[in-house]
Amino acid sequence: MLSPCVARCGLNDENYCMGCFRHIDEIVRWRDASEAQQVDILNQLPARKALFKDDKNQHILSRATWLEAEARLAKKA
């Protein structure tokens, strides 16, 4: 399934991307997520978009942020 990424990455204070409205953990796990998990994430995006409509990109999605999320998720597995 194609990623919902729109190449406008910027995280709000809760670590949700203000471009695609996925949480950093969902972005990092996307490639390894099952189709059912991806569909579940996609189904949540419209509500998140409405919820975050006034939020701003507070933090650039840096490589360091990505690696921190990757390490946190690896500990959970």
Protein backbone atom coordinates (compact mmCIF):
# COMPACT_ATOMS: atom_id res chain seq x y z
CA MET A 1 0.00 0.00 0.00
CA LEU A 2 1.30 3.47 -0.81
CA SER A 3 2.37 5.72 2.03
CA PRO A 4 0.16 8.74 2.75
CA CYS A 5 3.31 10.89 2.95
CA VAL A 6 2.93 14.24 1.18
CA ALA A 7 6.59 15.28 1.66
CA ARG A 8 5.68 18.14 4.02
CA CYS A 9 7.13 16.58 7.16
CA GLY A 10 6.97 18.59 10.33
CA LEU A 11 5.95 17.33 13.74
CA ASN A 12 3.64 19.00 16.22
CA ASP A 13 4.31 18.83 19.96
CA GLU A 14 2.69 15.36 20.16
CA ASN A 15 4.95 14.00 17.38
CA TYR A 16 2.24 13.90 14.71
CA CYS A 17 3.28 14.94 11.22
CA MET A 18 1.35 17.97 10.05
CA GLY A 19 1.70 16.84 6.44
CA CYS A 20 0.25 13.32 6.59
CA PHE A 21 -1.12 13.32 10.18
CA ARG A 22 0.62 10.09 11.16
CA HIS A 23 2.46 9.73 14.48
CA ILE A 24 6.23 9.34 14.19
CA ASP A 25 5.87 5.71 15.30
CA GLU A 26 3.39 5.04 12.49
CA ILE A 27 5.70 6.68 9.97
CA VAL A 28 8.67 4.58 11.06
CA ARG A 29 6.65 1.32 11.12
CA TRP A 30 4.78 1.94 7.86
CA ARG A 31 6.90 -0.36 5.66
CA ASP A 32 6.64 -3.24 8.12
CA ALA A 33 2.97 -2.76 9.01
CA SER A 34 0.47 -5.25 7.68
CA GLU A 35 -2.08 -4.06 5.15
CA ALA A 36 -4.74 -4.18 7.89
CA GLN A 37 -2.58 -1.98 10.14
CA GLN A 38 -1.98 0.46 7.29
CA VAL A 39 -5.71 0.64 6.55
CA ASP A 40 -6.37 1.28 10.24
CA ILE A 41 -3.88 4.16 10.22
CA LEU A 42 -5.34 5.57 7.00
CA ASN A 43 -8.83 5.46 8.46
CA GLN A 44 -7.70 7.62 11.40
CA LEU A 45 -6.14 10.37 9.27
CA PRO A 46 -9.27 12.42 8.40
CA ALA A 47 -10.19 12.79 12.08
CA ARG A 48 -6.63 13.74 12.96
CA LYS A 49 -6.53 16.30 10.16
CA ALA A 50 -9.65 17.93 11.61
CA LEU A 51 -8.28 17.73 15.16
CA PHE A 52 -4.92 19.26 14.23
CA LYS A 53 -6.19 21.82 11.70
CA ASP A 54 -4.83 24.77 13.69
CA ASP A 55 -1.55 23.13 14.74
CA LYS A 56 1.74 24.15 13.22
CA ASN A 57 4.85 22.24 12.27
CA GLN A 58 6.84 22.71 15.44
CA HIS A 59 9.72 20.35 14.77
CA ILE A 60 11.42 19.20 11.61
CA LEU A 61 11.34 15.44 11.20
CA SER A 62 15.08 14.91 11.52
CA ARG A 63 17.11 11.76 11.11
CA ALA A 64 17.77 11.85 14.87
CA THR A 65 14.03 11.90 15.63
CA TRP A 66 13.52 9.01 13.24
CA LEU A 67 16.29 6.96 14.88
CA GLU A 68 14.92 7.67 18.36
CA ALA A 69 11.49 6.36 17.32
CA GLU A 70 13.05 3.36 15.61
CA ALA A 71 15.00 2.47 18.77
CA ARG A 72 11.90 2.93 20.99
CA LEU A 73 9.86 0.65 18.72
CA ALA A 74 12.60 -1.99 18.64
CA LYS A 75 12.49 -2.16 22.44
CA LYS A 76 8.72 -2.78 22.30
CA ALA A 77 9.07 -5.66 19.84
